[in-house]
Amino acid sequence: MIEKKDNEENLSKKGDSENELESCRKLAQEYLDGWKRTKADFINYKNEQTKFFEEFKKKANSEVIKDLIPVLDSLDEAVKKSPPESGFNEIKSQFLLVLKKRGLNLVEETGIQFDPKIHEALEIVEGSPPGQVREIIQRGYILNGNLLRPAKVKINKQ
């Protein structure tokens, strides 16, 4: 009788231990799942912040470059009005190189078809081929694929 009672107690303890073990396993799985979700959330947050700061950097860069465009226009005028040995051309070249490294592209090509996306026609002159950019009056600028200022041009009559 005592042995039977001991066996029943052992089975009862064994059942309690299994229940406790199963409970611990479920709890561990919950913690693991929560950790995985938190890790994924953190990775997503980190990626969002990286994108945000890249966009912020581009926007700040864009604002500074917009402010520098009149300076570049003044340098163009100084180059036109100064003798070649004055050094303005070298300064302008260095300045343009720095801006190009930051994503600035110039719209200053003649002999191409007029494109209202990047050109603003100020004057239409006789000439051929029709619709071709004849002369750049004021250079245009594109920064990282976005038009900052259209090129002001003379085009051939269509």
N, C-alpha and C. Protein backbone atom coordinates (compact mmCIF):
# COMPACT_ATOMS: atom_id res chain seq x y z
N MET A 1 0.81 -1.17 0.00
CA MET A 1 0.00 0.00 0.00
C MET A 1 0.87 1.26 0.00
N ILE A 2 1.91 1.20 0.78
CA ILE A 2 2.81 2.34 0.85
C ILE A 2 3.49 2.55 -0.51
N GLU A 3 3.87 1.42 -1.13
CA GLU A 3 4.52 1.53 -2.44
C GLU A 3 3.59 2.13 -3.46
N LYS A 4 2.35 1.76 -3.44
CA LYS A 4 1.37 2.28 -4.38
C LYS A 4 1.20 3.77 -4.16
N LYS A 5 1.15 4.17 -2.90
CA LYS A 5 1.01 5.59 -2.56
C LYS A 5 2.22 6.37 -3.05
N ASP A 6 3.43 5.80 -2.86
CA ASP A 6 4.66 6.45 -3.32
C ASP A 6 4.65 6.59 -4.85
N ASN A 7 4.20 5.56 -5.55
CA ASN A 7 4.12 5.60 -7.00
C ASN A 7 3.14 6.68 -7.46
N GLU A 8 2.01 6.77 -6.78
CA GLU A 8 1.01 7.79 -7.12
C GLU A 8 1.58 9.19 -6.89
N GLU A 9 2.30 9.35 -5.77
CA GLU A 9 2.92 10.65 -5.47
C GLU A 9 3.97 10.99 -6.52
N ASN A 10 4.77 9.98 -6.90
CA ASN A 10 5.80 10.20 -7.93
C ASN A 10 5.17 10.57 -9.27
N LEU A 11 4.08 9.86 -9.63
CA LEU A 11 3.38 10.17 -10.87
C LEU A 11 2.78 11.57 -10.82
N SER A 12 2.24 11.90 -9.67
CA SER A 12 1.65 13.23 -9.50
C SER A 12 2.74 14.30 -9.61
N LYS A 13 3.89 14.03 -8.95
CA LYS A 13 5.01 14.99 -9.03
C LYS A 13 5.53 15.07 -10.47
N LYS A 14 5.57 13.89 -11.14
CA LYS A 14 6.05 13.87 -12.51
C LYS A 14 5.11 14.66 -13.42
N GLY A 15 3.82 14.54 -13.21
CA GLY A 15 2.82 15.29 -13.97
C GLY A 15 2.95 16.77 -13.71
N ASP A 16 3.17 17.13 -12.44
CA ASP A 16 3.36 18.54 -12.09
C ASP A 16 4.63 19.08 -12.75
N SER A 17 5.68 18.27 -12.74
CA SER A 17 6.95 18.69 -13.34
C SER A 17 6.78 18.89 -14.84
N GLU A 18 6.05 17.99 -15.50
CA GLU A 18 5.82 18.11 -16.93
C GLU A 18 4.98 19.34 -17.24
N ASN A 19 3.98 19.57 -16.40
CA ASN A 19 3.15 20.77 -16.58
C ASN A 19 3.99 22.03 -16.39
N GLU A 20 4.82 21.99 -15.37
CA GLU A 20 5.68 23.14 -15.09
C GLU A 20 6.68 23.34 -16.23
N LEU A 21 7.23 22.25 -16.75
CA LEU A 21 8.17 22.33 -17.86
C LEU A 21 7.48 22.89 -19.10
N GLU A 22 6.29 22.41 -19.38
CA GLU A 22 5.53 22.90 -20.53
C GLU A 22 5.21 24.39 -20.37
N SER A 23 4.86 24.77 -19.19
CA SER A 23 4.58 26.18 -18.89
C SER A 23 5.83 27.03 -19.12
N CYS A 24 6.97 26.52 -18.68
CA CYS A 24 8.24 27.23 -18.88
C CYS A 24 8.58 27.33 -20.36
N ARG A 25 8.31 26.26 -21.10
CA ARG A 25 8.57 26.28 -22.53
C ARG A 25 7.70 27.34 -23.23
N LYS A 26 6.44 27.39 -22.86
CA LYS A 26 5.54 28.38 -23.46
C LYS A 26 6.00 29.80 -23.13
N LEU A 27 6.39 30.00 -21.89
CA LEU A 27 6.87 31.31 -21.46
C LEU A 27 8.16 31.68 -22.21
N ALA A 28 9.07 30.73 -22.36
CA ALA A 28 10.31 30.97 -23.09
C ALA A 28 10.01 31.31 -24.55
N GLN A 29 9.04 30.60 -25.13
CA GLN A 29 8.66 30.87 -26.52
C GLN A 29 8.06 32.27 -26.65
N GLU A 30 7.24 32.67 -25.68
CA GLU A 30 6.67 34.02 -25.69
C GLU A 30 7.78 35.07 -25.62
N TYR A 31 8.74 34.85 -24.73
CA TYR A 31 9.87 35.78 -24.62
C TYR A 31 10.66 35.83 -25.91
N LEU A 32 10.90 34.66 -26.51
CA LEU A 32 11.65 34.61 -27.76
C LEU A 32 10.90 35.33 -28.87
N ASP A 33 9.59 35.08 -28.98
CA ASP A 33 8.79 35.76 -30.00
C ASP A 33 8.80 37.27 -29.78
N GLY A 34 8.67 37.69 -28.53
CA GLY A 34 8.71 39.13 -28.22
C GLY A 34 10.06 39.73 -28.57
N TRP A 35 11.12 39.01 -28.27
CA TRP A 35 12.46 39.49 -28.61
C TRP A 35 12.64 39.62 -30.12
N LYS A 36 12.14 38.62 -30.85
CA LYS A 36 12.24 38.67 -32.31
C LYS A 36 11.46 39.86 -32.88
N ARG A 37 10.26 40.10 -32.35
CA ARG A 37 9.47 41.26 -32.80
C ARG A 37 10.19 42.56 -32.49
N THR A 38 10.75 42.64 -31.28
CA THR A 38 11.47 43.86 -30.89
C THR A 38 12.69 44.07 -31.77
N LYS A 39 13.38 42.99 -32.06
CA LYS A 39 14.56 43.08 -32.93
C LYS A 39 14.15 43.55 -34.32
N ALA A 40 13.09 42.99 -34.86
CA ALA A 40 12.60 43.39 -36.19
C ALA A 40 12.16 44.85 -36.17
N ASP A 41 11.46 45.26 -35.11
CA ASP A 41 11.03 46.66 -34.98
C ASP A 41 12.24 47.58 -34.93
N PHE A 42 13.27 47.18 -34.22
CA PHE A 42 14.47 48.01 -34.13
C PHE A 42 15.16 48.13 -35.47
N ILE A 43 15.26 47.02 -36.20
CA ILE A 43 15.88 47.05 -37.52
C ILE A 43 15.08 47.97 -38.44
N ASN A 44 13.75 47.87 -38.40
CA ASN A 44 12.91 48.76 -39.22
C ASN A 44 13.11 50.22 -38.83
N TYR A 45 13.15 50.48 -37.53
CA TYR A 45 13.37 51.84 -37.03
C TYR A 45 14.72 52.37 -37.51
N LYS A 46 15.74 51.54 -37.40
CA LYS A 46 17.08 51.94 -37.82
C LYS A 46 17.10 52.27 -39.32
N ASN A 47 16.44 51.45 -40.13
CA ASN A 47 16.37 51.70 -41.57
C ASN A 47 15.61 52.99 -41.87
N GLU A 48 14.50 53.22 -41.16
CA GLU A 48 13.73 54.44 -41.35
C GLU A 48 14.56 55.67 -40.98
N GLN A 49 15.30 55.58 -39.89
CA GLN A 49 16.13 56.70 -39.46
C GLN A 49 17.25 56.98 -40.46
N THR A 50 17.82 55.92 -41.00
CA THR A 50 18.87 56.09 -42.01
C THR A 50 18.31 56.82 -43.22
N LYS A 51 17.13 56.39 -43.69
CA LYS A 51 16.49 57.05 -44.83
C LYS A 51 16.17 58.50 -44.50
N PHE A 52 15.65 58.73 -43.29
CA PHE A 52 15.30 60.09 -42.87
C PHE A 52 16.52 61.00 -42.91
N PHE A 53 17.64 60.52 -42.35
CA PHE A 53 18.83 61.35 -42.30
C PHE A 53 19.44 61.57 -43.68
N GLU A 54 19.33 60.57 -44.56
CA GLU A 54 19.81 60.75 -45.93
C GLU A 54 18.97 61.82 -46.64
N GLU A 55 17.65 61.75 -46.47
CA GLU A 55 16.78 62.76 -47.07
C GLU A 55 17.04 64.14 -46.47
N PHE A 56 17.25 64.18 -45.17
CA PHE A 56 17.55 65.44 -44.49
C PHE A 56 18.84 66.05 -45.04
N LYS A 57 19.83 65.19 -45.21
CA LYS A 57 21.13 65.63 -45.73
C LYS A 57 20.96 66.18 -47.16
N LYS A 58 20.19 65.48 -47.99
CA LYS A 58 19.95 65.93 -49.36
C LYS A 58 19.22 67.28 -49.36
N LYS A 59 18.23 67.39 -48.49
CA LYS A 59 17.45 68.64 -48.43
C LYS A 59 18.33 69.80 -47.97
N ALA A 60 19.13 69.57 -46.94
CA ALA A 60 20.03 70.62 -46.46
C ALA A 60 21.05 70.98 -47.54
N ASN A 61 21.59 69.97 -48.19
CA ASN A 61 22.53 70.18 -49.28
C ASN A 61 21.88 70.99 -50.39
N SER A 62 20.65 70.65 -50.71
CA SER A 62 19.90 71.34 -51.75
C SER A 62 19.71 72.82 -51.41
N GLU A 63 19.38 73.11 -50.17
CA GLU A 63 19.16 74.50 -49.76
C GLU A 63 20.45 75.31 -49.87
N VAL A 64 21.56 74.73 -49.47
CA VAL A 64 22.85 75.44 -49.55
C VAL A 64 23.22 75.67 -51.02
N ILE A 65 23.04 74.65 -51.85
CA ILE A 65 23.39 74.79 -53.27
C ILE A 65 22.50 75.83 -53.94
N LYS A 66 21.21 75.85 -53.59
CA LYS A 66 20.31 76.88 -54.15
C LYS A 66 20.84 78.28 -53.81
N ASP A 67 21.33 78.44 -52.60
CA ASP A 67 21.86 79.74 -52.18
C ASP A 67 23.16 80.09 -52.90
N LEU A 68 23.88 79.07 -53.38
CA LEU A 68 25.16 79.32 -54.05
C LEU A 68 25.02 79.59 -55.55
N ILE A 69 23.88 79.32 -56.12
CA ILE A 69 23.70 79.51 -57.56
C ILE A 69 23.91 80.98 -57.97
N PRO A 70 23.39 81.97 -57.25
CA PRO A 70 23.69 83.35 -57.63
C PRO A 70 25.19 83.67 -57.57
N VAL A 71 25.90 83.05 -56.65
CA VAL A 71 27.35 83.24 -56.57
C VAL A 71 28.00 82.69 -57.84
N LEU A 72 27.52 81.54 -58.28
CA LEU A 72 28.05 80.94 -59.51
C LEU A 72 27.73 81.83 -60.72
N ASP A 73 26.53 82.41 -60.74
CA ASP A 73 26.18 83.35 -61.82
C ASP A 73 27.14 84.55 -61.82
N SER A 74 27.45 85.05 -60.63
CA SER A 74 28.38 86.18 -60.52
C SER A 74 29.78 85.78 -61.00
N LEU A 75 30.19 84.58 -60.68
CA LEU A 75 31.49 84.10 -61.17
C LEU A 75 31.50 84.01 -62.69
N ASP A 76 30.38 83.56 -63.27
CA ASP A 76 30.28 83.51 -64.74
C ASP A 76 30.48 84.91 -65.33
N GLU A 77 29.83 85.88 -64.75
CA GLU A 77 29.97 87.26 -65.23
C GLU A 77 31.40 87.76 -65.06
N ALA A 78 32.02 87.43 -63.92
CA ALA A 78 33.39 87.85 -63.67
C ALA A 78 34.34 87.24 -64.69
N VAL A 79 34.11 85.98 -65.05
CA VAL A 79 34.95 85.30 -66.05
C VAL A 79 34.80 85.99 -67.41
N LYS A 80 33.56 86.35 -67.76
CA LYS A 80 33.32 87.00 -69.06
C LYS A 80 34.00 88.36 -69.14
N LYS A 81 34.01 89.09 -68.04
CA LYS A 81 34.49 90.47 -68.05
C LYS A 81 35.98 90.61 -67.68
N SER A 82 36.60 89.53 -67.25
CA SER A 82 38.00 89.61 -66.80
C SER A 82 38.94 88.97 -67.82
N PRO A 83 40.19 89.40 -67.81
CA PRO A 83 41.16 88.75 -68.70
C PRO A 83 41.39 87.31 -68.26
N PRO A 84 41.74 86.44 -69.20
CA PRO A 84 41.92 85.01 -68.89
C PRO A 84 42.92 84.75 -67.76
N GLU A 85 43.92 85.59 -67.61
CA GLU A 85 44.94 85.36 -66.59
C GLU A 85 44.50 85.80 -65.20
N SER A 86 43.27 86.29 -65.07
CA SER A 86 42.81 86.82 -63.76
C SER A 86 42.63 85.73 -62.72
N GLY A 87 42.39 84.52 -63.12
CA GLY A 87 42.19 83.42 -62.17
C GLY A 87 40.74 83.11 -61.87
N PHE A 88 39.81 83.96 -62.36
CA PHE A 88 38.39 83.71 -62.10
C PHE A 88 37.93 82.40 -62.71
N ASN A 89 38.47 82.09 -63.89
CA ASN A 89 38.07 80.85 -64.56
C ASN A 89 38.47 79.63 -63.73
N GLU A 90 39.67 79.66 -63.14
CA GLU A 90 40.13 78.55 -62.29
C GLU A 90 39.25 78.43 -61.04
N ILE A 91 38.93 79.57 -60.45
CA ILE A 91 38.07 79.56 -59.25
C ILE A 91 36.70 78.99 -59.59
N LYS A 92 36.15 79.44 -60.73
CA LYS A 92 34.85 78.94 -61.17
C LYS A 92 34.90 77.43 -61.41
N SER A 93 35.96 76.94 -62.03
CA SER A 93 36.11 75.50 -62.29
C SER A 93 36.16 74.70 -60.99
N GLN A 94 36.91 75.21 -60.02
CA GLN A 94 36.99 74.53 -58.72
C GLN A 94 35.63 74.52 -58.02
N PHE A 95 34.96 75.65 -58.08
CA PHE A 95 33.65 75.79 -57.45
C PHE A 95 32.65 74.81 -58.08
N LEU A 96 32.65 74.75 -59.42
CA LEU A 96 31.76 73.82 -60.12
C LEU A 96 32.07 72.37 -59.79
N LEU A 97 33.35 72.05 -59.67
CA LEU A 97 33.75 70.68 -59.33
C LEU A 97 33.18 70.28 -57.96
N VAL A 98 33.27 71.17 -56.99
CA VAL A 98 32.74 70.89 -55.65
C VAL A 98 31.23 70.67 -55.72
N LEU A 99 30.53 71.52 -56.47
CA LEU A 99 29.08 71.40 -56.58
C LEU A 99 28.67 70.14 -57.33
N LYS A 100 29.45 69.77 -58.35
CA LYS A 100 29.15 68.53 -59.09
C LYS A 100 29.31 67.31 -58.19
N LYS A 101 30.28 67.34 -57.30
CA LYS A 101 30.46 66.23 -56.36
C LYS A 101 29.25 66.09 -55.44
N ARG A 102 28.53 67.19 -55.25
CA ARG A 102 27.35 67.19 -54.39
C ARG A 102 26.07 66.91 -55.17
N GLY A 103 26.21 66.59 -56.47
CA GLY A 103 25.05 66.18 -57.27
C GLY A 103 24.50 67.23 -58.21
N LEU A 104 25.18 68.35 -58.37
CA LEU A 104 24.69 69.40 -59.25
C LEU A 104 25.13 69.14 -60.68
N ASN A 105 24.18 69.22 -61.61
CA ASN A 105 24.48 69.11 -63.04
C ASN A 105 24.03 70.38 -63.73
N LEU A 106 24.74 70.75 -64.78
CA LEU A 106 24.45 71.98 -65.50
C LEU A 106 23.57 71.70 -66.71
N VAL A 107 22.68 72.64 -67.00
CA VAL A 107 21.90 72.61 -68.23
C VAL A 107 22.46 73.76 -69.06
N GLU A 108 23.39 73.44 -69.95
CA GLU A 108 24.05 74.50 -70.71
C GLU A 108 24.41 74.07 -72.12
N GLU A 109 23.79 73.02 -72.59
CA GLU A 109 24.13 72.48 -73.89
C GLU A 109 23.31 73.18 -74.98
N THR A 110 23.99 73.62 -76.02
CA THR A 110 23.31 74.18 -77.19
C THR A 110 23.29 73.11 -78.28
N GLY A 111 22.45 73.34 -79.28
CA GLY A 111 22.39 72.40 -80.39
C GLY A 111 21.51 71.19 -80.11
N ILE A 112 20.77 71.22 -79.01
CA ILE A 112 19.85 70.12 -78.70
C ILE A 112 18.42 70.64 -78.85
N GLN A 113 17.48 69.73 -78.90
CA GLN A 113 16.09 70.12 -79.02
C GLN A 113 15.61 70.79 -77.73
N PHE A 114 14.79 71.80 -77.89
CA PHE A 114 14.19 72.49 -76.76
C PHE A 114 13.36 71.49 -75.95
N ASP A 115 13.55 71.48 -74.64
CA ASP A 115 12.81 70.60 -73.73
C ASP A 115 12.21 71.47 -72.63
N PRO A 116 10.90 71.63 -72.63
CA PRO A 116 10.27 72.51 -71.63
C PRO A 116 10.47 72.04 -70.19
N LYS A 117 10.94 70.82 -70.01
CA LYS A 117 11.21 70.32 -68.65
C LYS A 117 12.48 70.93 -68.08
N ILE A 118 13.41 71.33 -68.96
CA ILE A 118 14.68 71.88 -68.47
C ILE A 118 15.03 73.24 -69.08
N HIS A 119 14.24 73.70 -70.05
CA HIS A 119 14.51 74.98 -70.70
C HIS A 119 13.34 75.94 -70.52
N GLU A 120 13.67 77.22 -70.55
CA GLU A 120 12.67 78.27 -70.60
C GLU A 120 13.04 79.15 -71.80
N ALA A 121 12.15 79.17 -72.79
CA ALA A 121 12.44 79.92 -74.01
C ALA A 121 12.17 81.40 -73.76
N LEU A 122 13.20 82.23 -73.93
CA LEU A 122 13.05 83.67 -73.76
C LEU A 122 12.93 84.38 -75.11
N GLU A 123 13.48 83.73 -76.15
CA GLU A 123 13.47 84.37 -77.46
C GLU A 123 13.46 83.30 -78.54
N ILE A 124 12.71 83.60 -79.60
CA ILE A 124 12.68 82.70 -80.75
C ILE A 124 13.35 83.43 -81.90
N VAL A 125 14.34 82.79 -82.52
CA VAL A 125 15.11 83.42 -83.59
C VAL A 125 15.01 82.57 -84.86
N GLU A 126 15.29 83.20 -85.97
CA GLU A 126 15.29 82.48 -87.25
C GLU A 126 16.47 81.51 -87.27
N GLY A 127 16.25 80.35 -87.77
CA GLY A 127 17.32 79.38 -87.88
C GLY A 127 16.79 77.97 -88.04
N SER A 128 17.69 77.08 -88.29
CA SER A 128 17.30 75.68 -88.41
C SER A 128 18.37 74.84 -87.72
N PRO A 129 18.07 73.67 -87.33
CA PRO A 129 16.77 73.01 -87.37
C PRO A 129 15.79 73.64 -86.38
N PRO A 130 14.51 73.55 -86.72
CA PRO A 130 13.49 74.17 -85.89
C PRO A 130 13.45 73.55 -84.48
N GLY A 131 13.21 74.41 -83.50
CA GLY A 131 13.06 73.93 -82.12
C GLY A 131 14.36 73.63 -81.41
N GLN A 132 15.47 73.90 -82.07
CA GLN A 132 16.77 73.60 -81.46
C GLN A 132 17.24 74.79 -80.59
N VAL A 133 17.90 74.47 -79.49
CA VAL A 133 18.45 75.50 -78.61
C VAL A 133 19.61 76.16 -79.34
N ARG A 134 19.49 77.45 -79.56
CA ARG A 134 20.51 78.20 -80.29
C ARG A 134 21.55 78.78 -79.34
N GLU A 135 21.06 79.35 -78.21
CA GLU A 135 21.97 80.04 -77.29
C GLU A 135 21.45 79.92 -75.86
N ILE A 136 22.37 79.75 -74.93
CA ILE A 136 22.03 79.75 -73.50
C ILE A 136 22.19 81.17 -72.99
N ILE A 137 21.13 81.75 -72.48
CA ILE A 137 21.19 83.10 -71.92
C ILE A 137 21.57 83.01 -70.44
N GLN A 138 20.95 82.06 -69.75
CA GLN A 138 21.29 81.83 -68.35
C GLN A 138 21.28 80.32 -68.12
N ARG A 139 22.35 79.84 -67.54
CA ARG A 139 22.52 78.41 -67.31
C ARG A 139 21.44 77.88 -66.34
N GLY A 140 21.03 76.64 -66.58
CA GLY A 140 20.08 75.98 -65.69
C GLY A 140 20.82 74.95 -64.85
N TYR A 141 20.14 74.47 -63.79
CA TYR A 141 20.78 73.54 -62.86
C TYR A 141 19.82 72.43 -62.46
N ILE A 142 20.39 71.23 -62.37
CA ILE A 142 19.66 70.05 -61.90
C ILE A 142 20.44 69.48 -60.73
N LEU A 143 19.75 69.26 -59.62
CA LEU A 143 20.40 68.71 -58.43
C LEU A 143 19.76 67.37 -58.08
N ASN A 144 20.56 66.33 -58.14
CA ASN A 144 20.09 64.97 -57.83
C ASN A 144 18.80 64.62 -58.57
N GLY A 145 18.75 64.99 -59.84
CA GLY A 145 17.60 64.65 -60.67
C GLY A 145 16.44 65.62 -60.58
N ASN A 146 16.52 66.62 -59.73
CA ASN A 146 15.45 67.62 -59.59
C ASN A 146 15.91 68.95 -60.16
N LEU A 147 15.05 69.54 -60.97
CA LEU A 147 15.37 70.82 -61.59
C LEU A 147 15.35 71.94 -60.55
N LEU A 148 16.48 72.61 -60.41
CA LEU A 148 16.54 73.77 -59.51
C LEU A 148 16.16 75.05 -60.26
N ARG A 149 16.68 75.16 -61.47
CA ARG A 149 16.40 76.34 -62.28
C ARG A 149 16.51 75.93 -63.75
N PRO A 150 15.48 76.26 -64.55
CA PRO A 150 15.58 75.92 -65.98
C PRO A 150 16.59 76.83 -66.66
N ALA A 151 17.17 76.33 -67.73
CA ALA A 151 18.08 77.14 -68.54
C ALA A 151 17.23 78.11 -69.36
N LYS A 152 17.63 79.36 -69.36
CA LYS A 152 16.92 80.37 -70.16
C LYS A 152 17.65 80.43 -71.49
N VAL A 153 16.86 80.20 -72.58
CA VAL A 153 17.49 79.97 -73.88
C VAL A 153 16.83 80.74 -75.00
N LYS A 154 17.56 80.86 -76.13
CA LYS A 154 17.02 81.28 -77.41
C LYS A 154 16.87 80.02 -78.25
N ILE A 155 15.73 79.89 -78.92
CA ILE A 155 15.52 78.70 -79.76
C ILE A 155 15.22 79.10 -81.19
N ASN A 156 15.47 78.17 -82.10
CA ASN A 156 15.17 78.39 -83.51
C ASN A 156 13.68 78.29 -83.72
N LYS A 157 13.19 79.17 -84.59
CA LYS A 157 11.77 79.22 -84.93
C LYS A 157 11.32 77.90 -85.53
N GLN A 158 10.15 77.50 -85.16
CA GLN A 158 9.62 76.21 -85.67
C GLN A 158 8.76 76.39 -86.89
